Amino acid sequence: MPPVFAHGALRLYLLALLESGPKHGYELIKALSERFGGTYSPSAGTIYPRLGKLEEEGLVATHTEGRRTNYSITPAGLTELNSRRDELAGVENDISASVRRLADNLRQDIRVNMRGLRADLAATAEAARTSARAAGSAGGAGSPWYSPEGERRLKEAEMLVQAFRDDMRVELRRHAGSHPVTAVTLETVKTVLDQARISIRNSLED
């Protein structure tokens, strides 16, 4: 996969993030993750060495607050940032392009995984239908589709669908309490649910 940031671009973008006020390392990682819509989150091993280099150059200052080290832009850092505003605009454009590329890759991965899931479900459904036909033929009278066992499985399937719905609503609301629901998340939910709907419907066909 191509690098998310060009050489030196992350360093400049960290200065831009600090322009709005002091932040500790986790806040910077979180801000970058949100800027990328959750499609990319830099590691601590990516962020902290660059912050250390900025501090060595006098562009960033640190102060300790409890167990956290906060980083703030210095006058020298602000001077460099102001002298490179045009370059920063280019970095923003590159980030937007990276978000689109990463989102496209994510959607493609989801489609590939869902195709495999559909194939597995189709094979399982066909095996179940074959077993049911065999059981109906051996058992004689009565339709296998309305047997007590079939009724039990129907209720179990309905409970699974309901449990999935409830769990996902809880997860989405919990996430939304601290992070915005991004366009990528919404697209992922739509894609997965559409593919799951198709797979389940295919498994119901006789």
C-alpha atoms as a PDB file:
ATOM      1  CA  MET A   1       0.000   0.000   0.000  1.00  0.00           C
ATOM      2  CA  PRO A   2       1.377   3.476  -0.832  1.00  0.00           C
ATOM      3  CA  PRO A   3       2.475   5.561   2.188  1.00  0.00           C
ATOM      4  CA  VAL A   4      -0.269   7.646   3.780  1.00  0.00           C
ATOM      5  CA  PHE A   5       2.023  10.652   4.272  1.00  0.00           C
ATOM      6  CA  ALA A   6       4.741  11.848   1.925  1.00  0.00           C
ATOM      7  CA  HIS A   7       8.188  12.468   3.392  1.00  0.00           C
ATOM      8  CA  GLY A   8       8.017  15.291   5.951  1.00  0.00           C
ATOM      9  CA  ALA A   9       4.260  15.727   5.606  1.00  0.00           C
ATOM     10  CA  LEU A  10       3.333  14.147   8.947  1.00  0.00           C
ATOM     11  CA  ARG A  11       5.829  16.397  10.719  1.00  0.00           C
ATOM     12  CA  LEU A  12       4.180  19.467   9.214  1.00  0.00           C
ATOM     13  CA  TYR A  13       0.681  18.201   9.955  1.00  0.00           C
ATOM     14  CA  LEU A  14       1.545  17.633  13.620  1.00  0.00           C
ATOM     15  CA  LEU A  15       2.520  21.299  13.868  1.00  0.00           C
ATOM     16  CA  ALA A  16      -0.839  22.217  12.321  1.00  0.00           C
ATOM     17  CA  LEU A  17      -2.713  20.089  14.861  1.00  0.00           C
ATOM     18  CA  LEU A  18      -0.825  21.738  17.721  1.00  0.00           C
ATOM     19  CA  GLU A  19      -1.639  25.217  16.442  1.00  0.00           C
ATOM     20  CA  SER A  20      -5.113  24.979  18.025  1.00  0.00           C
ATOM     21  CA  GLY A  21      -3.654  24.248  21.463  1.00  0.00           C
ATOM     22  CA  PRO A  22      -1.514  21.805  23.479  1.00  0.00           C
ATOM     23  CA  LYS A  23      -2.238  18.117  23.078  1.00  0.00           C
ATOM     24  CA  HIS A  24      -0.813  14.899  24.435  1.00  0.00           C
ATOM     25  CA  GLY A  25       0.225  12.045  22.191  1.00  0.00           C
ATOM     26  CA  TYR A  26      -3.029  10.098  22.340  1.00  0.00           C
ATOM     27  CA  GLU A  27      -5.023  13.216  21.420  1.00  0.00           C
ATOM     28  CA  LEU A  28      -2.847  13.684  18.342  1.00  0.00           C
ATOM     29  CA  ILE A  29      -3.283  10.036  17.322  1.00  0.00           C
ATOM     30  CA  LYS A  30      -7.048  10.357  17.830  1.00  0.00           C
ATOM     31  CA  ALA A  31      -7.193  13.602  15.821  1.00  0.00           C
ATOM     32  CA  LEU A  32      -5.347  11.969  12.926  1.00  0.00           C
ATOM     33  CA  SER A  33      -7.600   8.906  13.042  1.00  0.00           C
ATOM     34  CA  GLU A  34     -10.717  11.115  12.924  1.00  0.00           C
ATOM     35  CA  ARG A  35      -9.252  13.153  10.055  1.00  0.00           C
ATOM     36  CA  PHE A  36      -8.895   9.905   8.105  1.00  0.00           C
ATOM     37  CA  GLY A  37     -12.442   8.838   8.963  1.00  0.00           C
ATOM     38  CA  GLY A  38     -11.161   5.828  10.866  1.00  0.00           C
ATOM     39  CA  THR A  39      -9.493   4.327   7.782  1.00  0.00           C
ATOM     40  CA  TYR A  40      -6.006   4.984   9.195  1.00  0.00           C
ATOM     41  CA  SER A  41      -4.656   5.411  12.710  1.00  0.00           C
ATOM     42  CA  PRO A  42      -0.937   6.084  13.228  1.00  0.00           C
ATOM     43  CA  SER A  43       0.900   4.037  15.824  1.00  0.00           C
ATOM     44  CA  ALA A  44       2.662   5.476  18.850  1.00  0.00           C
ATOM     45  CA  GLY A  45       5.913   4.385  17.198  1.00  0.00           C
ATOM     46  CA  THR A  46       5.082   6.681  14.286  1.00  0.00           C
ATOM     47  CA  ILE A  47       4.004   9.746  16.275  1.00  0.00           C
ATOM     48  CA  TYR A  48       6.333  10.003  19.262  1.00  0.00           C
ATOM     49  CA  PRO A  49       9.677   9.908  17.411  1.00  0.00           C
ATOM     50  CA  ARG A  50       8.477  12.768  15.195  1.00  0.00           C
ATOM     51  CA  LEU A  51       7.333  14.752  18.220  1.00  0.00           C
ATOM     52  CA  GLY A  52      10.732  14.152  19.809  1.00  0.00           C
ATOM     53  CA  LYS A  53      12.461  15.426  16.674  1.00  0.00           C
ATOM     54  CA  LEU A  54      10.247  18.528  16.615  1.00  0.00           C
ATOM     55  CA  GLU A  55      11.164  19.186  20.235  1.00  0.00           C
ATOM     56  CA  GLU A  56      14.882  18.825  19.455  1.00  0.00           C
ATOM     57  CA  GLU A  57      14.492  21.422  16.713  1.00  0.00           C
ATOM     58  CA  GLY A  58      12.755  23.841  19.075  1.00  0.00           C
ATOM     59  CA  LEU A  59       9.498  23.753  17.138  1.00  0.00           C
ATOM     60  CA  VAL A  60       7.573  21.979  19.912  1.00  0.00           C
ATOM     61  CA  ALA A  61       7.749  22.320  23.688  1.00  0.00           C
ATOM     62  CA  THR A  62       6.616  19.808  26.301  1.00  0.00           C
ATOM     63  CA  HIS A  63       5.261  20.007  29.812  1.00  0.00           C
ATOM     64  CA  THR A  64       4.114  17.243  32.128  1.00  0.00           C
ATOM     65  CA  GLU A  65       0.593  17.110  33.490  1.00  0.00           C
ATOM     66  CA  GLY A  66       0.182  14.170  35.834  1.00  0.00           C
ATOM     67  CA  ARG A  67       1.341  11.122  33.905  1.00  0.00           C
ATOM     68  CA  ARG A  68       0.863  12.757  30.528  1.00  0.00           C
ATOM     69  CA  THR A  69       3.272  14.790  28.468  1.00  0.00           C
ATOM     70  CA  ASN A  70       1.564  17.622  26.620  1.00  0.00           C
ATOM     71  CA  TYR A  71       3.034  19.069  23.438  1.00  0.00           C
ATOM     72  CA  SER A  72       2.609  22.681  22.323  1.00  0.00           C
ATOM     73  CA  ILE A  73       3.837  24.584  19.322  1.00  0.00           C
ATOM     74  CA  THR A  74       6.574  27.159  19.988  1.00  0.00           C
ATOM     75  CA  PRO A  75       6.950  30.568  18.330  1.00  0.00           C
ATOM     76  CA  ALA A  76       9.618  29.020  16.085  1.00  0.00           C
ATOM     77  CA  GLY A  77       7.209  26.206  15.216  1.00  0.00           C
ATOM     78  CA  LEU A  78       4.464  28.690  14.380  1.00  0.00           C
ATOM     79  CA  THR A  79       6.871  30.637  12.182  1.00  0.00           C
ATOM     80  CA  GLU A  80       7.726  27.496  10.224  1.00  0.00           C
ATOM     81  CA  LEU A  81       4.049  26.575   9.939  1.00  0.00           C
ATOM     82  CA  ASN A  82       3.151  30.022   8.616  1.00  0.00           C
ATOM     83  CA  SER A  83       5.946  29.849   6.052  1.00  0.00           C
ATOM     84  CA  ARG A  84       4.618  26.540   4.755  1.00  0.00           C
ATOM     85  CA  ARG A  85       0.861  27.185   4.537  1.00  0.00           C
ATOM     86  CA  ASP A  86       0.808  26.387   0.823  1.00  0.00           C
ATOM     87  CA  GLU A  87       2.555  23.089   1.472  1.00  0.00           C
ATOM     88  CA  LEU A  88       0.073  22.350   4.276  1.00  0.00           C
ATOM     89  CA  ALA A  89      -2.809  22.835   1.830  1.00  0.00           C
ATOM     90  CA  GLY A  90      -1.186  20.217  -0.378  1.00  0.00           C
ATOM     91  CA  VAL A  91      -0.925  17.846   2.582  1.00  0.00           C
ATOM     92  CA  GLU A  92      -4.657  18.313   3.232  1.00  0.00           C
ATOM     93  CA  ASN A  93      -5.397  17.451  -0.397  1.00  0.00           C
ATOM     94  CA  ASP A  94      -3.177  14.361  -0.136  1.00  0.00           C
ATOM     95  CA  ILE A  95      -5.020  13.282   3.028  1.00  0.00           C
ATOM     96  CA  SER A  96      -8.377  13.618   1.269  1.00  0.00           C
ATOM     97  CA  ALA A  97      -7.074  11.461  -1.589  1.00  0.00           C
ATOM     98  CA  SER A  98      -5.710   8.911   0.888  1.00  0.00           C
ATOM     99  CA  VAL A  99      -9.077   8.725   2.680  1.00  0.00           C
ATOM    100  CA  ARG A 100     -10.817   7.965  -0.628  1.00  0.00           C
ATOM    101  CA  ARG A 101      -8.203   5.352  -1.533  1.00  0.00           C
ATOM    102  CA  LEU A 102      -8.301   3.657   1.872  1.00  0.00           C
ATOM    103  CA  ALA A 103     -12.114   3.672   1.880  1.00  0.00           C
ATOM    104  CA  ASP A 104     -12.150   2.075  -1.589  1.00  0.00           C
ATOM    105  CA  ASN A 105      -9.717  -0.607  -0.406  1.00  0.00           C
ATOM    106  CA  LEU A 106     -11.847  -1.246   2.668  1.00  0.00           C
ATOM    107  CA  ARG A 107     -15.012  -1.612   0.612  1.00  0.00           C
ATOM    108  CA  GLN A 108     -13.227  -3.999  -1.757  1.00  0.00           C
ATOM    109  CA  ASP A 109     -12.011  -6.117   1.169  1.00  0.00           C
ATOM    110  CA  ILE A 110     -15.561  -6.244   2.536  1.00  0.00           C
ATOM    111  CA  ARG A 111     -16.942  -7.329  -0.840  1.00  0.00           C
ATOM    112  CA  VAL A 112     -14.323 -10.089  -1.176  1.00  0.00           C
ATOM    113  CA  ASN A 113     -15.021 -11.354   2.342  1.00  0.00           C
ATOM    114  CA  MET A 114     -18.772 -11.247   1.789  1.00  0.00           C
ATOM    115  CA  ARG A 115     -18.447 -13.205  -1.460  1.00  0.00           C
ATOM    116  CA  GLY A 116     -16.676 -15.931   0.490  1.00  0.00           C
ATOM    117  CA  LEU A 117     -19.355 -15.802   3.177  1.00  0.00           C
ATOM    118  CA  ARG A 118     -22.116 -16.094   0.549  1.00  0.00           C
ATOM    119  CA  ALA A 119     -20.428 -19.167  -0.920  1.00  0.00           C
ATOM    120  CA  ASP A 120     -20.144 -20.760   2.528  1.00  0.00           C
ATOM    121  CA  LEU A 121     -23.779 -19.987   3.324  1.00  0.00           C
ATOM    122  CA  ALA A 122     -24.958 -21.341  -0.021  1.00  0.00           C
ATOM    123  CA  ALA A 123     -23.058 -24.597   0.538  1.00  0.00           C
ATOM    124  CA  THR A 124     -24.413 -24.926   4.066  1.00  0.00           C
ATOM    125  CA  ALA A 125     -27.977 -24.203   2.912  1.00  0.00           C
ATOM    126  CA  GLU A 126     -27.755 -26.755   0.120  1.00  0.00           C
ATOM    127  CA  ALA A 127     -26.464 -29.388   2.547  1.00  0.00           C
ATOM    128  CA  ALA A 128     -29.325 -28.592   4.933  1.00  0.00           C
ATOM    129  CA  ARG A 129     -31.918 -28.879   2.154  1.00  0.00           C
ATOM    130  CA  THR A 130     -30.482 -32.209   1.042  1.00  0.00           C
ATOM    131  CA  SER A 131     -30.607 -33.533   4.600  1.00  0.00           C
ATOM    132  CA  ALA A 132     -34.181 -32.301   5.029  1.00  0.00           C
ATOM    133  CA  ARG A 133     -35.317 -33.978   1.812  1.00  0.00           C
ATOM    134  CA  ALA A 134     -33.674 -37.208   2.862  1.00  0.00           C
ATOM    135  CA  ALA A 135     -35.312 -37.035   6.276  1.00  0.00           C
ATOM    136  CA  GLY A 136     -38.716 -36.326   4.718  1.00  0.00           C
ATOM    137  CA  SER A 137     -38.381 -39.250   2.334  1.00  0.00           C
ATOM    138  CA  ALA A 138     -37.374 -41.630   5.100  1.00  0.00           C
ATOM    139  CA  GLY A 139     -39.994 -40.393   7.537  1.00  0.00           C
ATOM    140  CA  GLY A 140     -42.978 -40.777   5.255  1.00  0.00           C
ATOM    141  CA  ALA A 141     -45.999 -38.618   6.114  1.00  0.00           C
ATOM    142  CA  GLY A 142     -45.732 -34.928   6.961  1.00  0.00           C
ATOM    143  CA  SER A 143     -43.689 -32.118   5.483  1.00  0.00           C
ATOM    144  CA  PRO A 144     -40.133 -31.710   6.859  1.00  0.00           C
ATOM    145  CA  TRP A 145     -40.433 -27.927   6.565  1.00  0.00           C
ATOM    146  CA  TYR A 146     -42.992 -27.736   9.399  1.00  0.00           C
ATOM    147  CA  SER A 147     -41.465 -30.243  11.778  1.00  0.00           C
ATOM    148  CA  PRO A 148     -40.869 -29.333  15.456  1.00  0.00           C
ATOM    149  CA  GLU A 149     -37.158 -29.196  14.680  1.00  0.00           C
ATOM    150  CA  GLY A 150     -37.790 -26.748  11.828  1.00  0.00           C
ATOM    151  CA  GLU A 151     -39.913 -24.565  14.102  1.00  0.00           C
ATOM    152  CA  ARG A 152     -37.139 -24.555  16.716  1.00  0.00           C
ATOM    153  CA  ARG A 153     -34.577 -23.474  14.139  1.00  0.00           C
ATOM    154  CA  LEU A 154     -36.868 -20.711  12.884  1.00  0.00           C
ATOM    155  CA  LYS A 155     -37.172 -19.274  16.381  1.00  0.00           C
ATOM    156  CA  GLU A 156     -33.416 -19.573  16.916  1.00  0.00           C
ATOM    157  CA  ALA A 157     -32.749 -17.726  13.633  1.00  0.00           C
ATOM    158  CA  GLU A 158     -35.177 -14.954  14.618  1.00  0.00           C
ATOM    159  CA  MET A 159     -33.477 -14.627  18.017  1.00  0.00           C
ATOM    160  CA  LEU A 160     -30.056 -14.382  16.334  1.00  0.00           C
ATOM    161  CA  VAL A 161     -31.278 -11.587  14.048  1.00  0.00           C
ATOM    162  CA  GLN A 162     -32.791  -9.723  17.007  1.00  0.00           C
ATOM    163  CA  ALA A 163     -29.648 -10.167  19.130  1.00  0.00           C
ATOM    164  CA  PHE A 164     -27.460  -8.901  16.272  1.00  0.00           C
ATOM    165  CA  ARG A 165     -29.671  -5.838  15.839  1.00  0.00           C
ATOM    166  CA  ASP A 166     -29.628  -5.047  19.555  1.00  0.00           C
ATOM    167  CA  ASP A 167     -25.866  -5.560  19.892  1.00  0.00           C
ATOM    168  CA  MET A 168     -25.050  -3.349  16.914  1.00  0.00           C
ATOM    169  CA  ARG A 169     -27.350  -0.550  18.138  1.00  0.00           C
ATOM    170  CA  VAL A 170     -25.557  -0.601  21.491  1.00  0.00           C
ATOM    171  CA  GLU A 171     -22.126  -0.564  19.804  1.00  0.00           C
ATOM    172  CA  LEU A 172     -23.065   2.283  17.462  1.00  0.00           C
ATOM    173  CA  ARG A 173     -24.518   4.427  20.246  1.00  0.00           C
ATOM    174  CA  ARG A 174     -21.530   3.750  22.501  1.00  0.00           C
ATOM    175  CA  HIS A 175     -19.166   4.766  19.696  1.00  0.00           C
ATOM    176  CA  ALA A 176     -21.213   7.864  18.848  1.00  0.00           C
ATOM    177  CA  GLY A 177     -20.947   8.985  22.456  1.00  0.00           C
ATOM    178  CA  SER A 178     -17.234   9.721  22.013  1.00  0.00           C
ATOM    179  CA  HIS A 179     -16.635   9.739  18.231  1.00  0.00           C
ATOM    180  CA  PRO A 180     -18.609  10.891  15.208  1.00  0.00           C
ATOM    181  CA  VAL A 181     -19.997   8.163  12.972  1.00  0.00           C
ATOM    182  CA  THR A 182     -17.980   8.622   9.803  1.00  0.00           C
ATOM    183  CA  ALA A 183     -19.064   8.230   6.204  1.00  0.00           C
ATOM    184  CA  VAL A 184     -16.782   5.194   5.950  1.00  0.00           C
ATOM    185  CA  THR A 185     -18.507   3.547   8.932  1.00  0.00           C
ATOM    186  CA  LEU A 186     -21.921   4.211   7.408  1.00  0.00           C
ATOM    187  CA  GLU A 187     -20.809   2.834   4.038  1.00  0.00           C
ATOM    188  CA  THR A 188     -19.392  -0.255   5.767  1.00  0.00           C
ATOM    189  CA  VAL A 189     -22.667  -0.879   7.626  1.00  0.00           C
ATOM    190  CA  LYS A 190     -24.669  -0.517   4.404  1.00  0.00           C
ATOM    191  CA  THR A 191     -22.359  -2.813   2.437  1.00  0.00           C
ATOM    192  CA  VAL A 192     -22.220  -5.535   5.093  1.00  0.00           C
ATOM    193  CA  LEU A 193     -25.981  -5.504   5.710  1.00  0.00           C
ATOM    194  CA  ASP A 194     -26.792  -5.548   1.995  1.00  0.00           C
ATOM    195  CA  GLN A 195     -24.464  -8.483   1.432  1.00  0.00           C
ATOM    196  CA  ALA A 196     -25.776 -10.311   4.510  1.00  0.00           C
ATOM    197  CA  ARG A 197     -29.378  -9.786   3.329  1.00  0.00           C
ATOM    198  CA  ILE A 198     -28.537 -11.262  -0.079  1.00  0.00           C
ATOM    199  CA  SER A 199     -26.716 -14.210   1.481  1.00  0.00           C
ATOM    200  CA  ILE A 200     -29.562 -15.040   3.858  1.00  0.00           C
ATOM    201  CA  ARG A 201     -32.188 -14.751   1.123  1.00  0.00           C
ATOM    202  CA  ASN A 202     -30.142 -17.050  -1.100  1.00  0.00           C
ATOM    203  CA  SER A 203     -29.928 -19.596   1.707  1.00  0.00           C
ATOM    204  CA  LEU A 204     -33.748 -19.551   2.009  1.00  0.00           C
ATOM    205  CA  GLU A 205     -34.340 -20.419  -1.633  1.00  0.00           C
ATOM    206  CA  ASP A 206     -35.344 -23.986  -2.317  1.00  0.00           C
END
